[in-house]
Every structure is written in structure tokens, then in C-alpha cells.
Amino acid sequence: MILGVVGFIALIVVVVNLTKKTGEIQLGSLGAELEVNAAVIRDETTVMTEPYEKITYNVVEGATVSNDQVIAQVYKRGYQDETMVTLLNLQKQIYTYQLQLLGGQQPAELADLNTNIATVEAQIRSVSRGESDLDMLDLEQTLKDLETQRETLMKTIVTPDTTLNQLYSDLASQQTTMSGWRKEIKNTSGTGIVSFYFDGYEQVLNVNKLSTINSALIKNVVKGGNTASTAESTSELPLYRIINNTHWFVAFVTDSADPMRLAEGEQYSVVFTDYSEEAYTATARAGTVSENAVVNILEFNVDIGKLIGARTVAAKISKSAQGLVVPLKAIEMVNGVAGINIAYGDSVLRVEVDILSQDGKKAVIRAHNASDTLTAGQKYVKP
């Protein structure tokens, strides 16, 4: 009789324990927010060139450029500035002599060009003295364009004599010498934003290498911050980047034991707190799960704005989701993969899941594999 009572009590304990460990999948909605430090991955092309002695730019940092547009001139190693000085002196000598042949008469078109040239030269001097915020490179390019216009005009309005023809010949010879030292760089990477700054991560944080980006790399980038430096190479140097400003990514790392990570294909709202309160919409790419970390990647198809020069950012990621809801404790992590144990009669089947949102106590889930089906009312067994 005593044994029978003990057996009955044991049965009750087992039933009570099983009851505590089971529950039903519910329908509901939850909102989640995640704050992370992330690495920015731009859709960009880096253009390399052989080592050079000197470089002059034809476009300013952040300008929009197109194919066949001249970006810069690079001068080979061994180039001396005396070559350029000789060329500039010849150009000045030719202009002075052309004015002599005109007999002091300046056509209105020439007078207008000279006025514009004098204005730009004054602006360049103001920038050099720190009295103006105008862009020096932009002013220098404007001055070059005006001087080219004047050179073309003078050749059309001045009838050359023997002396002027000799000066033209000397100039052509000097220009040939200069062209041997100088290489004109034309853009062949399509339309985009140009940048001449590098931080050394351009080759590894690339849209073509998303599948190879690991957690160690992202952690190293985030730890290193936004310090920019020019990469060195004995064979080639990075010259400029062409950036697609409407397509970019951010990547961050979460612990593989933490069920909260991005769900592939889902949209998230992202605010970059150090830059603005504007909320960006991004879509999650497939994450990479390693032994103890998950690389989460968000894809953006919107103007990158102020983030175009950033490599690391603080991000606040949020999402509201509705659907199948279970307690967070019902989700079991196995080798970094989230899953839930579903009761089928006397059997228990593990179903891998994506967590769409969670509030610290409950989570909205979906089956990770298309072959699996989860529905409200199904019984789960807590691990």
C-alpha cells in the first residue's frame, strides 16, 4: 500500500514537470531594439596605379564623376618640377608676345577672360591666406579652364610671325617632354562619387567579398575606428575610389549563444545615432555563424549621405513583427543556430527558427527552413 502511494506521487511529479516544460505557440506582435557598433561596407571600386612622384587632381573630393572624365594627372618617378616651370614660362612668353602683336588692342572677349582670370587668382590668394572657405582645387581647375580658353582665343585672333611660330614650336617640344613624364588618369569605373582617402580596409571590406567577411575582421575594424591612412605598396598605390552612394552595407557581430540576430530577408529600421536621427530602412542578408559569433549584414539602397566617409558607426536597429510567439526560454541554441522543440505525440522534433523580434521575455519566430511548418497551437517543449 505504501509503495502504491509513493508510485502515485512520483507519477504526479513527472506530469507536473512535463506540464511546466510545455506550452503552445501563440499569435502576437512584439517590438525589438538592438544597439551595436558596426562596420560600413561601401559598394565601390578602388583604382590603383604605379608609384608616382607627384599628382595633380582635376576633380574635388566628393564630386560626382562619369566615365572618361579626367580624374588626375600622375607624374612618373624622377620627374622634376623644372620641367613644368619651363613650360609655364614659355606659355607666359607666348602670351606677352601675342599682346605685342595685337598692338595693345584687346578685343572685348579677351578683356572679359582676363577679368575672370584676375578674379579667380584673387580668390586663390584669399584661400591661401585663410581668408576664404572656397575650395582651392575647384578654383585651380577653374583657372586652368579660363587660361585654356584664353590660349585658344589668342591663336584665333593673332597672326603669328616667325618669332611666334618658333615659340609655338618650342612649346610643342616642351609639351612632348612633359607628356613623357605625365600620365592622364581617366575614369573607367562608371558614374559615382570620387574619393581620394583610404583606410586600408578597401580590399577586404568589399561588396564582392561579403561571403568571406568574418567576425574577427569586423571586430578589428570596429576597434580601430575611422582613422584614415594611405595604403603603401611597392608595385601599385591606390589612387582613387568610385563609390555607388545608393548601395552600401553595415556589418556587426553578435554572440552565437544569443538568439537575437538578423533574419535574412527581413526589413529593419536603422538610426545612426552619431550622425542624425533619420531612420534608414535596410534588408538583412544571410548571416555567417562561426564557433562563437555571428556576422550580421544589413543592405541599404538609399543615399549614404554623411556616412560616405565613415568606416565604423554606432547603430540603433529596431523592428516590429507579428506572427508566432513563444517564450524566449523555449528557444534552444545548438551550435549557434536557434531552434524550438515541437511535441508530436510521444516524439519531440527540433525545428530551426529565425527570430524576427524579441522583448527579452518573448520572441516572434518563423521556421528557418522552407520544408518546416510552424503554426499557432502547436505544443513546444522547453529545453
Protein backbone atom coordinates (compact mmCIF):
# COMPACT_ATOMS: atom_id res chain seq x y z
CA MET A 1 0.00 0.00 0.00
CA ILE A 2 2.80 2.40 0.88
CA LEU A 3 4.62 1.55 -2.37
CA GLY A 4 1.46 2.30 -4.31
CA VAL A 5 1.15 5.75 -2.74
CA VAL A 6 4.82 6.53 -3.47
CA GLY A 7 4.38 5.46 -7.09
CA PHE A 8 1.30 7.68 -7.44
CA ILE A 9 3.17 10.68 -6.03
CA ALA A 10 6.10 10.09 -8.43
CA LEU A 11 3.70 9.99 -11.36
CA ILE A 12 2.17 13.30 -10.30
CA VAL A 13 5.65 14.90 -10.08
CA VAL A 14 6.54 13.70 -13.60
CA VAL A 15 3.27 15.01 -15.04
CA VAL A 16 3.67 18.36 -13.28
CA ASN A 17 7.26 18.73 -14.58
CA LEU A 18 6.20 17.91 -18.13
CA THR A 19 3.40 20.46 -17.86
CA LYS A 20 5.85 23.13 -16.75
CA LYS A 21 8.12 22.36 -19.74
CA THR A 22 5.44 22.51 -22.43
CA GLY A 23 3.36 25.26 -23.91
CA GLU A 24 1.50 26.31 -27.04
CA ILE A 25 2.72 28.60 -29.82
CA GLN A 26 0.62 31.77 -29.73
CA LEU A 27 -0.14 34.57 -32.18
CA GLY A 28 1.02 38.07 -31.27
CA SER A 29 3.31 41.01 -32.03
CA LEU A 30 6.47 42.39 -30.45
CA GLY A 31 8.93 45.24 -30.94
CA ALA A 32 12.71 44.88 -30.53
CA GLU A 33 15.67 47.26 -30.44
CA LEU A 34 19.34 46.41 -30.71
CA GLU A 35 22.26 48.82 -30.24
CA VAL A 36 25.52 47.81 -31.95
CA ASN A 37 28.83 49.13 -33.27
CA ALA A 38 29.11 48.26 -36.94
CA ALA A 39 31.49 48.46 -39.89
CA VAL A 40 30.42 50.29 -43.06
CA ILE A 41 30.94 48.40 -46.31
CA ARG A 42 30.64 50.55 -49.43
CA ASP A 43 29.85 49.45 -52.97
CA GLU A 44 32.98 50.95 -54.51
CA THR A 45 35.80 50.38 -56.97
CA THR A 46 39.39 51.18 -55.99
CA VAL A 47 41.62 52.33 -58.85
CA MET A 48 45.32 51.53 -58.49
CA THR A 49 48.37 52.99 -60.26
CA GLU A 50 52.12 52.57 -60.27
CA PRO A 51 54.13 54.60 -57.72
CA TYR A 52 54.44 58.24 -58.77
CA GLU A 53 56.46 61.35 -57.95
CA LYS A 54 53.61 63.84 -57.94
CA ILE A 55 49.88 64.06 -58.57
CA THR A 56 47.52 66.85 -59.57
CA TYR A 57 43.75 66.46 -59.28
CA ASN A 58 41.11 67.53 -61.78
CA VAL A 59 38.12 66.89 -59.54
CA VAL A 60 37.42 67.61 -55.90
CA GLU A 61 36.79 65.10 -53.11
CA GLY A 62 33.13 64.05 -53.09
CA ALA A 63 32.39 65.13 -56.68
CA THR A 64 30.14 63.04 -58.92
CA VAL A 65 32.14 61.77 -61.89
CA SER A 66 31.32 59.76 -65.01
CA ASN A 67 33.14 57.50 -67.44
CA ASP A 68 36.01 59.03 -69.47
CA GLN A 69 36.21 62.02 -67.14
CA VAL A 70 39.79 63.03 -66.31
CA ILE A 71 40.36 62.45 -62.59
CA ALA A 72 44.03 63.36 -62.17
CA GLN A 73 47.50 63.51 -63.69
CA VAL A 74 50.29 61.47 -62.16
CA TYR A 75 53.96 62.20 -62.77
CA LYS A 76 56.44 59.34 -63.03
CA ARG A 77 59.20 58.87 -60.51
CA GLY A 78 62.19 61.01 -61.39
CA TYR A 79 60.06 63.91 -62.57
CA GLN A 80 61.43 67.37 -61.72
CA ASP A 81 59.30 70.50 -61.31
CA GLU A 82 61.78 72.40 -63.50
CA THR A 83 60.14 70.72 -66.49
CA MET A 84 56.81 72.29 -65.59
CA VAL A 85 58.43 75.66 -64.80
CA THR A 86 59.97 75.76 -68.29
CA LEU A 87 56.57 75.00 -69.82
CA LEU A 88 54.81 77.70 -67.81
CA ASN A 89 57.46 80.29 -68.67
CA LEU A 90 57.07 79.52 -72.38
CA GLN A 91 53.29 79.97 -72.10
CA LYS A 92 53.77 83.35 -70.41
CA GLN A 93 56.35 84.41 -73.05
CA ILE A 94 53.97 83.47 -75.85
CA TYR A 95 51.07 85.41 -74.32
CA THR A 96 53.24 88.51 -73.81
CA TYR A 97 54.43 88.39 -77.41
CA GLN A 98 50.88 87.85 -78.70
CA LEU A 99 49.82 91.04 -76.89
CA GLN A 100 52.68 92.89 -78.58
CA LEU A 101 51.47 91.72 -81.98
CA LEU A 102 47.99 92.98 -81.12
CA GLY A 103 49.49 96.40 -80.61
CA GLY A 104 47.90 96.89 -77.22
CA GLN A 105 44.38 96.38 -78.56
CA GLN A 106 42.32 93.88 -76.52
CA PRO A 107 39.08 92.56 -78.01
CA ALA A 108 36.12 92.56 -75.64
CA GLU A 109 36.17 88.76 -75.39
CA LEU A 110 39.83 88.80 -74.30
CA ALA A 111 39.18 91.59 -71.79
CA ASP A 112 36.33 89.58 -70.25
CA LEU A 113 38.53 86.47 -69.93
CA ASN A 114 41.31 88.50 -68.29
CA THR A 115 38.84 89.96 -65.81
CA ASN A 116 37.59 86.47 -64.89
CA ILE A 117 41.16 85.17 -64.57
CA ALA A 118 42.12 88.05 -62.28
CA THR A 119 39.05 87.37 -60.10
CA VAL A 120 39.88 83.67 -59.69
CA GLU A 121 43.55 84.45 -58.96
CA ALA A 122 42.44 86.84 -56.21
CA GLN A 123 40.17 84.14 -54.76
CA ILE A 124 43.07 81.64 -54.73
CA ARG A 125 45.23 84.15 -52.85
CA SER A 126 42.42 84.67 -50.31
CA VAL A 127 42.14 80.91 -49.71
CA SER A 128 45.92 80.65 -49.30
CA ARG A 129 45.84 83.36 -46.64
CA GLY A 130 42.96 81.65 -44.83
CA GLU A 131 40.56 84.46 -45.65
CA SER A 132 38.16 82.35 -47.72
CA ASP A 133 36.45 78.95 -47.41
CA LEU A 134 36.27 78.36 -51.17
CA ASP A 135 37.65 75.04 -52.44
CA MET A 136 41.24 75.51 -53.66
CA LEU A 137 41.14 72.58 -56.10
CA ASP A 138 37.90 73.84 -57.60
CA LEU A 139 39.43 77.32 -58.05
CA GLU A 140 42.60 75.91 -59.60
CA GLN A 141 40.57 73.90 -62.09
CA THR A 142 38.51 76.99 -62.98
CA LEU A 143 41.72 78.95 -63.56
CA LYS A 144 43.10 76.21 -65.83
CA ASP A 145 39.89 76.22 -67.87
CA LEU A 146 39.96 80.03 -68.27
CA GLU A 147 43.63 80.02 -69.29
CA THR A 148 42.93 77.30 -71.86
CA GLN A 149 40.07 79.40 -73.26
CA ARG A 150 42.40 82.40 -73.50
CA GLU A 151 45.11 80.37 -75.21
CA THR A 152 42.61 79.15 -77.81
CA LEU A 153 41.27 82.66 -78.36
CA MET A 154 44.73 84.18 -78.85
CA LYS A 155 45.57 81.65 -81.54
CA THR A 156 42.47 82.70 -83.47
CA ILE A 157 42.92 86.48 -83.22
CA VAL A 158 46.73 86.81 -83.51
CA THR A 159 48.51 86.32 -86.85
CA PRO A 160 51.83 84.66 -85.99
CA ASP A 161 55.19 85.86 -87.34
CA THR A 162 58.49 83.93 -87.46
CA THR A 163 59.24 84.58 -83.77
CA LEU A 164 55.80 83.46 -82.59
CA ASN A 165 55.93 80.34 -84.76
CA GLN A 166 59.28 79.47 -83.15
CA LEU A 167 57.78 79.95 -79.71
CA TYR A 168 54.87 77.67 -80.67
CA SER A 169 57.41 75.07 -81.81
CA ASP A 170 59.37 75.35 -78.55
CA LEU A 171 56.14 74.98 -76.57
CA ALA A 172 55.11 71.88 -78.53
CA SER A 173 58.53 70.34 -77.86
CA GLN A 174 58.27 71.08 -74.15
CA GLN A 175 54.71 69.67 -74.03
CA THR A 176 56.02 66.46 -75.64
CA THR A 177 58.70 66.24 -72.96
CA MET A 178 56.08 66.79 -70.26
CA SER A 179 53.75 64.15 -71.69
CA GLY A 180 56.56 61.62 -71.29
CA TRP A 181 56.52 62.27 -67.54
CA ARG A 182 52.81 62.81 -67.08
CA LYS A 183 50.00 60.26 -67.32
CA GLU A 184 46.40 61.36 -67.55
CA ILE A 185 44.03 59.22 -65.49
CA LYS A 186 40.54 58.86 -66.93
CA ASN A 187 37.72 57.25 -65.02
CA THR A 188 36.62 53.86 -66.37
CA SER A 189 34.64 52.70 -63.33
CA GLY A 190 31.26 54.24 -64.14
CA THR A 191 29.32 57.08 -62.57
CA GLY A 192 29.76 57.59 -58.84
CA ILE A 193 31.23 59.67 -56.03
CA VAL A 194 35.01 60.10 -56.15
CA SER A 195 37.21 59.91 -53.07
CA PHE A 196 40.98 60.10 -52.62
CA TYR A 197 41.06 58.87 -49.00
CA PHE A 198 41.84 55.31 -47.92
CA ASP A 199 41.85 53.50 -44.58
CA GLY A 200 43.41 50.21 -45.67
CA TYR A 201 40.21 48.14 -45.47
CA GLU A 202 39.04 48.80 -49.06
CA GLN A 203 40.23 45.45 -50.40
CA VAL A 204 38.74 43.27 -47.62
CA LEU A 205 35.54 45.17 -46.83
CA ASN A 206 34.17 44.89 -50.32
CA VAL A 207 30.71 44.02 -51.66
CA ASN A 208 32.28 41.24 -53.72
CA LYS A 209 33.66 39.61 -50.56
CA LEU A 210 30.60 39.66 -48.28
CA SER A 211 30.62 35.87 -48.00
CA THR A 212 34.23 35.86 -46.74
CA ILE A 213 33.87 38.57 -44.09
CA ASN A 214 34.37 37.01 -40.66
CA SER A 215 33.76 38.14 -37.11
CA ALA A 216 37.47 38.72 -36.36
CA LEU A 217 37.70 41.21 -39.23
CA ILE A 218 34.58 43.14 -38.19
CA LYS A 219 35.71 43.26 -34.54
CA ASN A 220 39.10 44.58 -35.64
CA VAL A 221 37.54 47.27 -37.83
CA VAL A 222 35.16 48.41 -35.09
CA LYS A 223 38.00 48.53 -32.58
CA GLY A 224 40.19 50.53 -34.98
CA GLY A 225 37.70 53.33 -35.58
CA ASN A 226 37.68 55.75 -38.51
CA THR A 227 41.39 56.59 -38.75
CA ALA A 228 42.25 57.06 -42.43
CA SER A 229 45.69 56.30 -43.80
CA THR A 230 47.18 55.82 -47.24
CA ALA A 231 47.97 52.22 -48.05
CA GLU A 232 51.54 51.56 -49.20
CA SER A 233 52.67 49.14 -51.92
CA THR A 234 55.91 48.61 -53.77
CA SER A 235 54.14 47.81 -57.06
CA GLU A 236 50.88 49.78 -57.00
CA LEU A 237 49.25 52.52 -54.96
CA PRO A 238 45.55 53.24 -54.51
CA LEU A 239 44.74 56.39 -56.49
CA TYR A 240 41.01 56.97 -56.01
CA ARG A 241 37.71 55.26 -55.30
CA ILE A 242 34.43 55.44 -57.21
CA ILE A 243 31.57 54.95 -54.75
CA ASN A 244 28.00 53.93 -55.51
CA ASN A 245 26.37 56.20 -52.94
CA THR A 246 22.95 54.49 -53.12
CA HIS A 247 24.11 50.93 -52.36
CA TRP A 248 26.00 50.02 -49.18
CA PHE A 249 26.08 47.72 -46.17
CA VAL A 250 26.85 47.64 -42.48
CA ALA A 251 28.08 44.55 -40.63
CA PHE A 252 28.18 43.79 -36.91
CA VAL A 253 28.87 40.85 -34.65
CA THR A 254 26.62 39.16 -32.10
CA ASP A 255 27.31 36.21 -29.81
CA SER A 256 26.32 32.86 -31.33
CA ALA A 257 24.73 31.91 -28.00
CA ASP A 258 22.43 34.95 -28.21
CA PRO A 259 19.21 34.13 -30.10
CA MET A 260 18.87 37.77 -31.17
CA ARG A 261 20.35 38.28 -34.63
CA LEU A 262 19.08 39.44 -38.01
CA ALA A 263 16.70 37.28 -40.04
CA GLU A 264 17.57 37.01 -43.73
CA GLY A 265 15.19 38.93 -46.00
CA GLU A 266 13.55 40.89 -43.17
CA GLN A 267 13.49 44.70 -43.16
CA TYR A 268 14.79 46.74 -40.22
CA SER A 269 14.76 50.38 -39.22
CA VAL A 270 18.23 51.75 -38.52
CA VAL A 271 19.32 55.03 -36.90
CA PHE A 272 22.99 56.04 -36.88
CA THR A 273 22.97 57.98 -33.65
CA ASP A 274 26.23 59.89 -34.14
CA TYR A 275 25.11 61.31 -37.48
CA SER A 276 21.39 62.05 -37.41
CA GLU A 277 18.00 60.95 -36.13
CA GLU A 278 16.96 59.90 -39.63
CA ALA A 279 15.73 56.31 -39.80
CA TYR A 280 17.05 54.22 -42.70
CA THR A 281 15.31 51.08 -43.96
CA ALA A 282 17.59 48.10 -44.57
CA THR A 283 17.22 44.45 -45.52
CA ALA A 284 19.09 41.68 -43.72
CA ARG A 285 21.43 39.47 -45.73
CA ALA A 286 22.28 35.92 -44.74
CA GLY A 287 24.47 35.92 -41.64
CA THR A 288 27.62 33.86 -41.10
CA VAL A 289 27.69 31.72 -37.96
CA SER A 290 31.08 30.73 -36.59
CA GLU A 291 32.02 28.88 -33.41
CA ASN A 292 31.14 31.71 -31.04
CA ALA A 293 29.99 34.66 -33.16
CA VAL A 294 27.55 35.68 -35.88
CA VAL A 295 28.30 38.25 -38.58
CA ASN A 296 25.08 40.15 -39.29
CA ILE A 297 24.81 42.19 -42.51
CA LEU A 298 22.28 44.88 -43.43
CA GLU A 299 21.88 46.09 -47.02
CA PHE A 300 20.83 49.67 -47.84
CA ASN A 301 19.56 51.03 -51.15
CA VAL A 302 19.41 54.72 -50.26
CA ASP A 303 21.81 57.68 -50.39
CA ILE A 304 24.62 57.06 -47.91
CA GLY A 305 24.82 60.79 -47.09
CA LYS A 306 27.20 61.75 -44.28
CA LEU A 307 28.26 58.14 -43.78
CA ILE A 308 30.20 58.14 -47.06
CA GLY A 309 33.44 58.84 -45.20
CA ALA A 310 32.75 56.65 -42.15
CA ARG A 311 34.11 53.17 -41.57
CA THR A 312 32.58 52.49 -38.14
CA VAL A 313 29.20 53.62 -36.83
CA ALA A 314 27.03 53.26 -33.77
CA ALA A 315 23.66 51.94 -34.90
CA LYS A 316 20.28 51.50 -33.24
CA ILE A 317 18.37 48.73 -35.03
CA SER A 318 14.67 48.23 -34.42
CA LYS A 319 11.91 46.02 -35.75
CA SER A 320 8.26 45.31 -35.01
CA ALA A 321 6.98 41.90 -36.03
CA GLN A 322 3.80 39.91 -35.68
CA GLY A 323 3.23 36.20 -36.03
CA LEU A 324 4.09 33.14 -33.97
CA VAL A 325 5.10 33.97 -30.40
CA VAL A 326 6.91 31.74 -27.88
CA PRO A 327 8.75 32.42 -24.63
CA LEU A 328 12.39 33.24 -25.23
CA LYS A 329 13.29 30.37 -22.88
CA ALA A 330 11.63 27.94 -25.29
CA ILE A 331 14.31 28.67 -27.88
CA GLU A 332 17.38 26.46 -27.74
CA MET A 333 20.74 27.37 -29.28
CA VAL A 334 22.65 24.45 -30.82
CA ASN A 335 25.99 25.28 -32.47
CA GLY A 336 24.89 28.87 -32.76
CA VAL A 337 21.60 28.01 -34.50
CA ALA A 338 18.27 28.82 -32.88
CA GLY A 339 15.59 26.13 -32.70
CA ILE A 340 12.44 25.08 -30.92
CA ASN A 341 11.42 21.57 -29.86
CA ILE A 342 7.93 20.66 -31.08
CA ALA A 343 5.95 17.83 -29.47
CA TYR A 344 4.50 15.29 -31.93
CA GLY A 345 2.67 12.72 -29.82
CA ASP A 346 5.33 10.91 -27.84
CA SER A 347 8.13 12.36 -30.03
CA VAL A 348 9.93 15.69 -29.97
CA LEU A 349 11.19 17.29 -33.22
CA ARG A 350 13.65 20.19 -33.31
CA VAL A 351 12.72 22.91 -35.80
CA GLU A 352 15.29 25.60 -36.64
CA VAL A 353 13.83 29.11 -36.40
CA ASP A 354 14.56 32.73 -37.23
CA ILE A 355 13.84 35.26 -34.52
CA LEU A 356 12.09 38.24 -36.07
CA SER A 357 11.72 40.24 -32.86
CA GLN A 358 12.01 39.78 -29.10
CA ASP A 359 11.42 41.84 -25.98
CA GLY A 360 13.64 39.93 -23.57
CA LYS A 361 10.87 37.55 -22.49
CA LYS A 362 9.07 36.50 -25.67
CA ALA A 363 10.02 36.20 -29.32
CA VAL A 364 8.27 36.28 -32.69
CA ILE A 365 9.61 33.36 -34.71
CA ARG A 366 9.33 31.68 -38.09
CA ALA A 367 10.61 28.37 -39.40
CA HIS A 368 14.10 28.85 -40.84
CA ASN A 369 13.77 26.10 -43.44
CA ALA A 370 11.00 26.21 -46.04
CA SER A 371 10.39 22.48 -45.54
CA ASP A 372 9.38 23.03 -41.91
CA THR A 373 5.96 24.27 -40.79
CA LEU A 374 5.08 26.03 -37.56
CA THR A 375 1.54 27.05 -36.62
CA ALA A 376 -0.27 28.60 -33.70
CA GLY A 377 -1.47 25.98 -31.21
CA GLN A 378 1.43 23.60 -31.70
CA LYS A 379 2.95 22.37 -28.47
CA TYR A 380 6.61 23.12 -27.78
CA VAL A 381 8.88 21.56 -25.17
CA LYS A 382 11.27 23.85 -23.34
CA PRO A 383 14.93 22.74 -23.33
